[in-house]
Amino acid sequence: MIVWVILILIMGLLLLFFPEKIAENQEWIKQIGLVITLICMGISVRMHALRRRGSREKTESRIKELENEIESLRSKLAQVSKEEEQKTP
């Protein structure tokens, strides 16, 4: 997906900065190039935000797993200490 976005961005930049190479009516071509460039930048920002949110969700799920593991270890430790107390008269 990123390859397509980069290719379309390059096309938009070429339309924006070099419209005389394409046609005589350069104002429309510049506007089209600007729109294409802005759309590609928006897509890139959205992709980056989704990637960050995905890594954040993975981190949050890993934190929950570790918290559950800590709780299970605490309960095991409490059981072991109770058993030791019962063994010593």
C-alpha atoms as a PDB file:
ATOM      1  CA  MET A   1       0.000   0.000   0.000  1.00  0.00           C
ATOM      2  CA  ILE A   2       2.779   2.407   0.877  1.00  0.00           C
ATOM      3  CA  VAL A   3       4.353   1.897  -2.553  1.00  0.00           C
ATOM      4  CA  TRP A   4       1.134   2.983  -4.257  1.00  0.00           C
ATOM      5  CA  VAL A   5       0.828   6.016  -2.008  1.00  0.00           C
ATOM      6  CA  ILE A   6       4.399   7.056  -2.799  1.00  0.00           C
ATOM      7  CA  LEU A   7       3.851   6.619  -6.548  1.00  0.00           C
ATOM      8  CA  ILE A   8       0.639   8.651  -6.479  1.00  0.00           C
ATOM      9  CA  LEU A   9       2.354  11.298  -4.344  1.00  0.00           C
ATOM     10  CA  ILE A  10       5.154  11.591  -6.893  1.00  0.00           C
ATOM     11  CA  MET A  11       2.563  11.930  -9.657  1.00  0.00           C
ATOM     12  CA  GLY A  12       0.764  14.647  -7.689  1.00  0.00           C
ATOM     13  CA  LEU A  13       3.989  16.535  -7.071  1.00  0.00           C
ATOM     14  CA  LEU A  14       4.893  16.357 -10.759  1.00  0.00           C
ATOM     15  CA  LEU A  15       1.451  17.688 -11.675  1.00  0.00           C
ATOM     16  CA  LEU A  16       1.808  20.440  -9.095  1.00  0.00           C
ATOM     17  CA  PHE A  17       5.288  21.663  -9.971  1.00  0.00           C
ATOM     18  CA  PHE A  18       5.641  20.793 -13.676  1.00  0.00           C
ATOM     19  CA  PRO A  19       2.221  21.328 -15.288  1.00  0.00           C
ATOM     20  CA  GLU A  20       3.707  22.825 -18.480  1.00  0.00           C
ATOM     21  CA  LYS A  21       5.015  19.374 -19.413  1.00  0.00           C
ATOM     22  CA  ILE A  22       1.471  17.979 -19.560  1.00  0.00           C
ATOM     23  CA  ALA A  23      -0.909  20.495 -21.150  1.00  0.00           C
ATOM     24  CA  GLU A  24      -1.549  24.133 -21.928  1.00  0.00           C
ATOM     25  CA  ASN A  25      -4.266  24.707 -19.322  1.00  0.00           C
ATOM     26  CA  GLN A  26      -1.871  24.707 -16.390  1.00  0.00           C
ATOM     27  CA  GLU A  27      -4.149  26.095 -13.669  1.00  0.00           C
ATOM     28  CA  TRP A  28      -6.394  23.030 -13.645  1.00  0.00           C
ATOM     29  CA  ILE A  29      -3.416  20.718 -13.667  1.00  0.00           C
ATOM     30  CA  LYS A  30      -1.842  22.543 -10.711  1.00  0.00           C
ATOM     31  CA  GLN A  31      -5.092  22.254  -8.761  1.00  0.00           C
ATOM     32  CA  ILE A  32      -5.378  18.558  -9.559  1.00  0.00           C
ATOM     33  CA  GLY A  33      -1.752  18.053  -8.507  1.00  0.00           C
ATOM     34  CA  LEU A  34      -2.397  19.868  -5.229  1.00  0.00           C
ATOM     35  CA  VAL A  35      -5.484  17.751  -4.504  1.00  0.00           C
ATOM     36  CA  ILE A  36      -3.655  14.515  -5.275  1.00  0.00           C
ATOM     37  CA  THR A  37      -0.711  15.571  -3.093  1.00  0.00           C
ATOM     38  CA  LEU A  38      -2.967  16.468  -0.159  1.00  0.00           C
ATOM     39  CA  ILE A  39      -4.928  13.214  -0.466  1.00  0.00           C
ATOM     40  CA  CYS A  40      -1.699  11.176  -0.429  1.00  0.00           C
ATOM     41  CA  MET A  41      -0.444  13.065   2.606  1.00  0.00           C
ATOM     42  CA  GLY A  42      -3.752  12.375   4.372  1.00  0.00           C
ATOM     43  CA  ILE A  43      -3.547   8.679   3.544  1.00  0.00           C
ATOM     44  CA  SER A  44       0.020   8.542   4.860  1.00  0.00           C
ATOM     45  CA  VAL A  45      -0.937  10.231   8.135  1.00  0.00           C
ATOM     46  CA  ARG A  46      -3.892   7.871   8.555  1.00  0.00           C
ATOM     47  CA  MET A  47      -1.702   4.808   7.904  1.00  0.00           C
ATOM     48  CA  HIS A  48       0.824   6.028  10.470  1.00  0.00           C
ATOM     49  CA  ALA A  49      -1.903   6.623  13.068  1.00  0.00           C
ATOM     50  CA  LEU A  50      -3.378   3.154  12.535  1.00  0.00           C
ATOM     51  CA  ARG A  51       0.062   1.575  12.825  1.00  0.00           C
ATOM     52  CA  ARG A  52       0.705   3.394  16.117  1.00  0.00           C
ATOM     53  CA  ARG A  53      -2.704   2.421  17.478  1.00  0.00           C
ATOM     54  CA  GLY A  54      -2.068  -1.213  16.561  1.00  0.00           C
ATOM     55  CA  SER A  55       1.235  -1.270  18.414  1.00  0.00           C
ATOM     56  CA  ARG A  56      -0.406   0.486  21.363  1.00  0.00           C
ATOM     57  CA  GLU A  57      -3.126  -2.160  21.522  1.00  0.00           C
ATOM     58  CA  LYS A  58      -0.509  -4.915  21.435  1.00  0.00           C
ATOM     59  CA  THR A  59       1.369  -3.233  24.268  1.00  0.00           C
ATOM     60  CA  GLU A  60      -1.806  -2.832  26.336  1.00  0.00           C
ATOM     61  CA  SER A  61      -2.727  -6.497  25.869  1.00  0.00           C
ATOM     62  CA  ARG A  62       0.800  -7.552  26.879  1.00  0.00           C
ATOM     63  CA  ILE A  63       0.551  -5.367  30.001  1.00  0.00           C
ATOM     64  CA  LYS A  64      -2.745  -7.058  30.940  1.00  0.00           C
ATOM     65  CA  GLU A  65      -1.157 -10.487  30.466  1.00  0.00           C
ATOM     66  CA  LEU A  66       1.756  -9.544  32.705  1.00  0.00           C
ATOM     67  CA  GLU A  67      -0.574  -8.112  35.353  1.00  0.00           C
ATOM     68  CA  ASN A  68      -2.546 -11.374  35.373  1.00  0.00           C
ATOM     69  CA  GLU A  69       0.694 -13.325  35.701  1.00  0.00           C
ATOM     70  CA  ILE A  70       1.765 -11.147  38.623  1.00  0.00           C
ATOM     71  CA  GLU A  71      -1.575 -11.758  40.353  1.00  0.00           C
ATOM     72  CA  SER A  72      -1.270 -15.510  39.883  1.00  0.00           C
ATOM     73  CA  LEU A  73       2.273 -15.452  41.292  1.00  0.00           C
ATOM     74  CA  ARG A  74       1.085 -13.406  44.282  1.00  0.00           C
ATOM     75  CA  SER A  75      -1.677 -15.891  45.017  1.00  0.00           C
ATOM     76  CA  LYS A  76       0.802 -18.791  44.778  1.00  0.00           C
ATOM     77  CA  LEU A  77       3.159 -16.956  47.123  1.00  0.00           C
ATOM     78  CA  ALA A  78       0.334 -16.379  49.591  1.00  0.00           C
ATOM     79  CA  GLN A  79      -0.571 -20.078  49.490  1.00  0.00           C
ATOM     80  CA  VAL A  80       3.040 -21.111  50.065  1.00  0.00           C
ATOM     81  CA  SER A  81       3.393 -18.743  53.020  1.00  0.00           C
ATOM     82  CA  LYS A  82       0.145 -20.076  54.555  1.00  0.00           C
ATOM     83  CA  GLU A  83       1.384 -23.645  54.192  1.00  0.00           C
ATOM     84  CA  GLU A  84       4.668 -22.748  55.875  1.00  0.00           C
ATOM     85  CA  GLU A  85       2.815 -21.096  58.752  1.00  0.00           C
ATOM     86  CA  GLN A  86       0.676 -24.197  59.220  1.00  0.00           C
ATOM     87  CA  LYS A  87       3.753 -26.463  59.242  1.00  0.00           C
ATOM     88  CA  THR A  88       5.472 -24.527  62.023  1.00  0.00           C
ATOM     89  CA  PRO A  89       3.695 -25.161  65.361  1.00  0.00           C
END
